[in-house]
């Protein structure tokens, strides 16, 4: 009798969240393992076991709680009924204290590294996630930096962890050979660890900042955006800094291509999709010299100390030079080409097969 693999897609939603993008891109490379997908959506090319579809990020904290209860109470029964040998979960969730054998994916430990008092997410990462990881047969993660965090924060053995880099969609993120416009670009949320306050200050310190703009693409946030908007007013930058909110892909790709540079000096990332996607568009990148970002960037970006505003300003100023931009464009395109979903998918399939 062949071994039976279940893949937990209880979190899956049609909109492309980070974990959904990861799961949908590696699934084709797991097909040879003949998995049964646990999903609330119809995926006709796979064998599926239908589960409720009200346990996703779409339903906020209620969806999250429903999923955790389902994982603990219903999933072990499904595992038994399906006569499964292994469960693969693309996020660090699995039944605790049962006979279920599983491999899980850990993306980052940012809610622990930047803990917020009273945050449910911090509690989840402090108490639930370490139990899941300790009981897992094996853990895959997205970078050496995340692997090191699992060792440092949770005392997980290094032998139990395999870092597998992520990738990007080359049909979307590509070099379009458009003329460069006069703006620097940031892409992402407005959370404090994204370091946007220092990006704004660094922009204000450019010798001739009046010749440029700073565009902030990404969903605004009632908790964090107002402070950034106040900072822009206080620095008299209202005419120079644009809050763009969420930008759909068909507008985002040309926007990346036309930017002077992507400015992404985050204080921590598990992987750093915007850096990879900007390099794939041939856009110069300024990013941090810490966490996973140097792993993604290689020698193809300007690495800065994210805590030093002058370091960010100097990098931005150097990229107003056309020759420097062309140099980084070529290096970035070369570096990005090394990251493919095929590589990610095949490496993940190997780990699962070893544990099946």
Protein backbone atom coordinates (compact mmCIF):
# COMPACT_ATOMS: atom_id res chain seq x y z
CA UNK A 1 0.00 0.00 0.00
CA UNK A 2 1.42 3.40 -0.98
CA UNK A 3 2.00 6.06 1.63
CA UNK A 4 -0.71 8.68 1.95
CA UNK A 5 0.08 12.40 2.10
CA UNK A 6 -2.38 15.10 3.22
CA UNK A 7 -1.73 18.80 2.51
CA UNK A 8 -3.46 21.26 4.82
CA UNK A 9 -4.84 24.21 2.81
CA UNK A 10 -7.41 25.33 5.41
CA UNK A 11 -5.98 28.90 5.25
CA UNK A 12 -6.25 29.21 1.46
CA UNK A 13 -8.08 32.19 -0.05
CA UNK A 14 -8.33 33.27 -3.71
CA UNK A 15 -6.53 36.59 -3.01
CA UNK A 16 -2.74 36.32 -3.13
CA UNK A 17 -1.53 36.54 0.49
CA UNK A 18 2.11 35.54 1.05
CA UNK A 19 1.30 32.03 2.31
CA UNK A 20 -1.31 31.45 -0.44
CA UNK A 21 1.25 32.47 -3.09
CA UNK A 22 3.79 30.07 -1.58
CA UNK A 23 1.34 27.15 -1.37
CA UNK A 24 -0.11 27.56 -4.87
CA UNK A 25 3.36 27.82 -6.45
CA UNK A 26 4.81 24.68 -4.86
CA UNK A 27 1.69 22.48 -5.24
CA UNK A 28 2.44 21.43 -8.86
CA UNK A 29 5.81 20.03 -7.72
CA UNK A 30 4.14 17.94 -5.00
CA UNK A 31 1.68 16.35 -7.44
CA UNK A 32 3.89 13.26 -8.00
CA UNK A 33 3.42 12.41 -4.32
CA UNK A 34 -0.35 11.93 -5.01
CA UNK A 35 -1.49 14.16 -2.13
CA UNK A 36 -5.03 14.69 -0.89
CA UNK A 37 -5.65 18.41 -0.38
CA UNK A 38 -7.67 19.55 2.63
CA UNK A 39 -9.39 22.63 1.20
CA UNK A 40 -12.64 24.59 1.20
CA UNK A 41 -12.17 25.39 -2.50
CA UNK A 42 -12.56 23.26 -5.61
CA UNK A 43 -9.16 22.40 -7.13
CA UNK A 44 -10.24 19.96 -9.88
CA UNK A 45 -6.74 18.82 -10.92
CA UNK A 46 -6.10 17.36 -7.42
CA UNK A 47 -7.76 14.83 -5.16
CA UNK A 48 -9.49 16.98 -2.53
CA UNK A 49 -11.13 16.42 0.82
CA UNK A 50 -13.65 19.22 1.33
CA UNK A 51 -13.43 21.13 4.60
CA UNK A 52 -15.18 24.34 5.79
CA UNK A 53 -13.95 27.50 4.02
CA UNK A 54 -14.63 29.84 6.97
CA UNK A 55 -11.20 29.39 8.60
CA UNK A 56 -9.15 31.79 6.48
CA UNK A 57 -7.50 35.22 7.01
CA UNK A 58 -10.60 36.65 5.24
CA UNK A 59 -12.57 36.07 8.46
CA UNK A 60 -10.01 37.84 10.66
CA UNK A 61 -9.37 36.59 14.20
CA UNK A 62 -12.63 34.51 14.17
CA UNK A 63 -11.37 32.60 11.13
CA UNK A 64 -8.01 32.13 12.80
CA UNK A 65 -9.60 30.75 15.98
CA UNK A 66 -11.95 28.46 14.01
CA UNK A 67 -8.93 27.10 12.10
CA UNK A 68 -6.95 26.43 15.28
CA UNK A 69 -9.88 24.54 16.83
CA UNK A 70 -10.49 22.59 13.59
CA UNK A 71 -6.77 21.73 13.41
CA UNK A 72 -6.80 20.40 16.96
CA UNK A 73 -10.18 18.64 17.00
CA UNK A 74 -11.19 17.69 13.42
CA UNK A 75 -7.90 17.28 11.57
CA UNK A 76 -6.70 14.25 13.62
CA UNK A 77 -9.99 12.47 12.75
CA UNK A 78 -9.56 13.24 9.03
CA UNK A 79 -5.93 12.03 9.21
CA UNK A 80 -7.10 8.74 10.74
CA UNK A 81 -10.05 8.30 8.34
CA UNK A 82 -7.83 8.98 5.31
CA UNK A 83 -5.26 6.45 6.66
CA UNK A 84 -2.62 9.13 6.16
CA UNK A 85 1.10 8.67 6.86
CA UNK A 86 2.07 12.34 6.77
CA UNK A 87 0.55 15.82 6.84
CA UNK A 88 2.28 18.76 5.14
CA UNK A 89 1.25 22.21 6.37
CA UNK A 90 2.53 25.32 4.48
CA UNK A 91 2.27 27.26 7.75
CA UNK A 92 3.29 26.25 11.30
CA UNK A 93 -0.06 24.74 12.32
CA UNK A 94 -0.75 21.07 13.08
CA UNK A 95 -2.53 18.94 15.70
CA UNK A 96 -0.71 18.74 19.04
CA UNK A 97 -0.30 15.63 21.22
CA UNK A 98 -1.78 13.21 18.63
CA UNK A 99 -0.45 10.42 16.41
CA UNK A 100 -0.37 12.73 13.36
CA UNK A 101 3.06 12.85 11.70
CA UNK A 102 3.79 16.14 9.95
CA UNK A 103 6.20 18.45 8.14
CA UNK A 104 5.52 22.20 8.43
CA UNK A 105 6.76 25.43 6.87
CA UNK A 106 7.90 28.30 9.15
CA UNK A 107 7.99 31.73 7.46
CA UNK A 108 9.32 34.13 10.11
CA UNK A 109 9.24 34.94 13.82
CA UNK A 110 8.55 38.66 13.45
CA UNK A 111 5.67 38.66 16.02
CA UNK A 112 8.20 37.45 18.61
CA UNK A 113 11.11 39.60 17.49
CA UNK A 114 8.87 42.71 17.53
CA UNK A 115 6.42 41.58 20.20
CA UNK A 116 3.39 43.79 20.85
CA UNK A 117 1.81 43.76 24.30
CA UNK A 118 -1.62 42.11 24.25
CA UNK A 119 -1.20 40.92 20.63
CA UNK A 120 -2.92 37.60 19.89
CA UNK A 121 -0.31 36.92 17.22
CA UNK A 122 2.51 37.28 19.75
CA UNK A 123 0.71 34.81 22.07
CA UNK A 124 0.22 32.39 19.14
CA UNK A 125 3.97 32.50 18.34
CA UNK A 126 4.97 32.27 21.99
CA UNK A 127 2.89 29.24 23.02
CA UNK A 128 1.34 27.38 20.05
CA UNK A 129 3.98 27.58 17.28
CA UNK A 130 6.91 26.22 19.38
CA UNK A 131 4.83 23.17 20.37
CA UNK A 132 3.98 22.50 16.70
CA UNK A 133 7.64 22.80 15.68
CA UNK A 134 8.91 20.59 18.49
CA UNK A 135 6.44 17.83 17.55
CA UNK A 136 7.07 18.12 13.77
CA UNK A 137 9.07 15.40 11.99
CA UNK A 138 10.80 18.11 9.96
CA UNK A 139 10.58 21.87 9.38
CA UNK A 140 11.18 23.74 6.15
CA UNK A 141 11.72 27.50 6.24
CA UNK A 142 12.42 30.31 3.78
CA UNK A 143 15.96 31.43 4.69
CA UNK A 144 19.05 30.74 6.81
CA UNK A 145 18.00 33.74 8.95
CA UNK A 146 14.63 32.13 9.79
CA UNK A 147 16.38 28.80 10.50
CA UNK A 148 18.67 30.60 12.95
CA UNK A 149 15.65 32.27 14.61
CA UNK A 150 14.02 28.83 15.11
CA UNK A 151 17.21 27.64 16.79
CA UNK A 152 17.65 30.79 18.93
CA UNK A 153 14.02 31.43 19.97
CA UNK A 154 12.72 27.86 20.21
CA UNK A 155 15.89 25.74 20.72
CA UNK A 156 15.00 23.56 17.72
CA UNK A 157 17.83 21.30 16.53
CA UNK A 158 19.47 22.51 13.28
CA UNK A 159 19.29 18.96 11.83
CA UNK A 160 15.51 19.18 11.90
CA UNK A 161 15.39 22.36 9.75
CA UNK A 162 15.90 22.80 6.00
CA UNK A 163 16.00 26.36 4.62
CA UNK A 164 14.53 26.51 1.09
CA UNK A 165 14.54 29.95 -0.61
CA UNK A 166 11.30 31.20 -2.17
CA UNK A 167 10.87 32.64 -5.68
CA UNK A 168 8.85 35.03 -7.87
CA UNK A 169 6.59 34.91 -10.93
CA UNK A 170 8.75 35.71 -14.02
CA UNK A 171 5.60 36.23 -16.11
CA UNK A 172 4.68 39.18 -13.89
CA UNK A 173 7.92 40.61 -12.55
CA UNK A 174 10.15 41.37 -15.52
CA UNK A 175 12.29 44.08 -17.06
CA UNK A 176 10.15 46.32 -19.32
CA UNK A 177 12.88 48.77 -20.45
CA UNK A 178 10.85 51.86 -19.45
CA UNK A 179 12.40 55.30 -18.90
CA UNK A 180 13.26 56.01 -15.24
CA UNK A 181 10.93 58.47 -13.51
CA UNK A 182 11.85 60.74 -10.56
CA UNK A 183 10.60 58.69 -7.60
CA UNK A 184 11.99 56.26 -5.06
CA UNK A 185 9.61 53.42 -4.21
CA UNK A 186 8.78 51.47 -1.04
CA UNK A 187 6.43 48.44 -1.22
CA UNK A 188 4.83 46.84 1.82
CA UNK A 189 2.77 47.35 4.94
CA UNK A 190 3.24 50.22 7.39
CA UNK A 191 4.21 48.14 10.46
CA UNK A 192 7.01 49.67 12.59
CA UNK A 193 9.57 46.96 11.71
CA UNK A 194 9.25 48.00 8.05
CA UNK A 195 11.22 51.14 9.03
CA UNK A 196 9.27 53.63 6.89
CA UNK A 197 9.89 56.46 9.38
CA UNK A 198 13.63 56.25 8.69
CA UNK A 199 13.00 56.04 4.91
CA UNK A 200 11.06 59.34 5.10
CA UNK A 201 13.80 61.02 7.18
CA UNK A 202 16.50 59.69 4.83
CA UNK A 203 14.60 61.11 1.84
CA UNK A 204 14.33 64.52 3.59
CA UNK A 205 18.14 64.52 3.98
CA UNK A 206 18.82 64.08 0.25
CA UNK A 207 20.84 67.14 -0.90
CA UNK A 208 18.28 68.00 -3.61
CA UNK A 209 15.18 66.14 -2.39
CA UNK A 210 12.94 68.70 -4.17
CA UNK A 211 13.92 67.04 -7.48
CA UNK A 212 12.46 63.69 -6.39
CA UNK A 213 9.43 62.00 -4.83
CA UNK A 214 9.02 59.10 -2.44
CA UNK A 215 6.13 56.74 -3.25
CA UNK A 216 4.84 54.38 -0.53
CA UNK A 217 2.89 51.51 -2.12
CA UNK A 218 1.03 49.19 0.23
CA UNK A 219 -2.11 49.05 2.36
CA UNK A 220 -2.52 51.94 4.79
CA UNK A 221 -3.11 51.04 8.42
CA UNK A 222 -5.23 52.91 10.97
CA UNK A 223 -2.71 52.07 13.69
CA UNK A 224 0.55 53.11 11.99
CA UNK A 225 -0.13 55.28 8.91
CA UNK A 226 -1.30 58.47 10.75
CA UNK A 227 2.08 58.82 12.52
CA UNK A 228 3.88 58.54 9.16
CA UNK A 229 1.53 61.13 7.62
CA UNK A 230 2.24 63.49 10.55
CA UNK A 231 5.98 62.98 10.08
CA UNK A 232 5.63 63.94 6.39
CA UNK A 233 3.77 67.14 7.37
CA UNK A 234 6.32 68.09 10.04
CA UNK A 235 9.17 67.70 7.54
CA UNK A 236 7.26 69.80 4.96
CA UNK A 237 7.29 66.89 2.51
CA UNK A 238 3.57 66.80 1.67
CA UNK A 239 4.27 67.56 -2.01
CA UNK A 240 7.03 64.97 -2.21
CA UNK A 241 5.76 61.85 -0.40
CA UNK A 242 2.80 59.92 -1.86
CA UNK A 243 0.80 57.34 0.12
CA UNK A 244 -0.53 55.08 -2.67
CA UNK A 245 -2.34 52.40 -0.63
CA UNK A 246 -2.60 48.94 -2.26
CA UNK A 247 -1.50 48.93 -5.93
CA UNK A 248 -2.74 46.07 -8.20
CA UNK A 249 -0.12 44.09 -10.15
CA UNK A 250 -0.93 45.56 -13.57
CA UNK A 251 0.00 49.02 -12.22
CA UNK A 252 2.68 47.85 -9.78
CA UNK A 253 5.00 46.17 -12.33
CA UNK A 254 5.45 49.31 -14.51
CA UNK A 255 5.73 51.36 -11.29
CA UNK A 256 8.64 49.19 -10.08
CA UNK A 257 10.28 49.33 -13.52
CA UNK A 258 10.19 53.13 -13.64
CA UNK A 259 11.42 53.77 -10.09
CA UNK A 260 14.91 55.14 -9.42
CA UNK A 261 15.21 52.39 -6.81
CA UNK A 262 13.24 50.23 -4.40
CA UNK A 263 14.05 51.43 -0.87
CA UNK A 264 13.48 48.52 1.53
CA UNK A 265 15.61 48.88 4.70
CA UNK A 266 13.36 46.63 6.80
CA UNK A 267 14.45 45.82 10.37
CA UNK A 268 13.67 42.13 9.75
CA UNK A 269 12.26 39.86 7.02
CA UNK A 270 11.79 36.11 6.85
CA UNK A 271 12.50 36.33 3.13
CA UNK A 272 11.81 39.69 1.42
CA UNK A 273 9.69 39.29 -1.73
CA UNK A 274 9.83 43.01 -2.74
CA UNK A 275 13.64 42.86 -3.01
CA UNK A 276 13.55 39.82 -5.30
CA UNK A 277 10.65 41.16 -7.40
CA UNK A 278 12.34 44.55 -7.90
CA UNK A 279 15.62 42.88 -8.98
CA UNK A 280 13.60 40.77 -11.45
CA UNK A 281 12.29 44.05 -12.94
CA UNK A 282 15.83 45.39 -13.31
CA UNK A 283 15.19 48.05 -10.66
CA UNK A 284 18.09 48.94 -8.32
CA UNK A 285 17.47 47.99 -4.68
CA UNK A 286 18.53 49.51 -1.36
CA UNK A 287 17.97 47.02 1.45
CA UNK A 288 19.19 46.00 4.91
CA UNK A 289 22.42 44.23 5.79
CA UNK A 290 20.58 42.08 8.38
CA UNK A 291 18.12 39.14 8.54
CA UNK A 292 17.40 37.23 5.32
CA UNK A 293 17.80 40.25 3.06
CA UNK A 294 21.51 39.74 2.18
CA UNK A 295 20.64 36.11 1.27
CA UNK A 296 18.12 37.35 -1.30
CA UNK A 297 20.17 40.36 -2.44
CA UNK A 298 23.58 38.72 -2.91
CA UNK A 299 25.99 41.34 -4.26
CA UNK A 300 23.31 42.87 -6.49
CA UNK A 301 21.95 45.63 -4.21
CA UNK A 302 23.17 48.42 -1.94
CA UNK A 303 23.12 46.98 1.60
CA UNK A 304 22.66 49.56 4.37
CA UNK A 305 22.47 49.63 8.16
CA UNK A 306 18.68 50.02 8.59
CA UNK A 307 19.15 51.81 11.93
CA UNK A 308 21.38 54.54 10.39
CA UNK A 309 19.45 57.20 8.45
CA UNK A 310 22.69 58.57 6.91
CA UNK A 311 23.43 55.10 5.47
CA UNK A 312 20.01 55.05 3.73
CA UNK A 313 20.38 58.67 2.48
CA UNK A 314 23.84 58.00 1.02
CA UNK A 315 22.56 54.93 -0.84
CA UNK A 316 19.57 56.88 -2.25
CA UNK A 317 21.85 59.72 -3.33
CA UNK A 318 24.27 57.36 -5.08
CA UNK A 319 21.41 55.95 -7.16
CA UNK A 320 20.60 59.32 -8.69
CA UNK A 321 23.68 58.42 -10.82
CA UNK A 322 22.65 56.68 -14.08
CA UNK A 323 25.78 54.51 -14.33
CA UNK A 324 25.31 53.15 -10.82
CA UNK A 325 21.69 52.31 -11.63
CA UNK A 326 22.72 50.44 -14.80
CA UNK A 327 25.34 48.49 -12.85
CA UNK A 328 22.79 47.36 -10.26
CA UNK A 329 20.16 46.65 -12.92
CA UNK A 330 22.39 44.04 -14.59
CA UNK A 331 23.50 42.49 -11.30
CA UNK A 332 19.89 42.38 -10.04
CA UNK A 333 18.52 40.63 -13.13
CA UNK A 334 21.29 38.03 -12.83
CA UNK A 335 20.68 37.49 -9.08
CA UNK A 336 16.88 37.20 -9.44
CA UNK A 337 17.18 34.52 -12.13
CA UNK A 338 18.60 32.12 -9.52
CA UNK A 339 15.28 32.01 -7.61
CA UNK A 340 12.64 29.76 -9.23
CA UNK A 341 9.49 28.10 -7.91
CA UNK A 342 10.63 24.90 -9.62
CA UNK A 343 13.73 24.82 -7.41
CA UNK A 344 11.64 25.62 -4.29
CA UNK A 345 8.99 23.03 -5.19
CA UNK A 346 11.43 20.21 -5.99
CA UNK A 347 13.46 20.78 -2.80
CA UNK A 348 10.23 20.77 -0.75
CA UNK A 349 9.00 17.57 -2.45
CA UNK A 350 12.31 15.85 -1.58
CA UNK A 351 11.96 16.72 2.12
CA UNK A 352 8.33 15.52 2.23
CA UNK A 353 9.16 12.29 0.39
CA UNK A 354 11.99 11.53 2.83
CA UNK A 355 9.55 11.84 5.75
CA UNK A 356 6.61 10.07 4.09
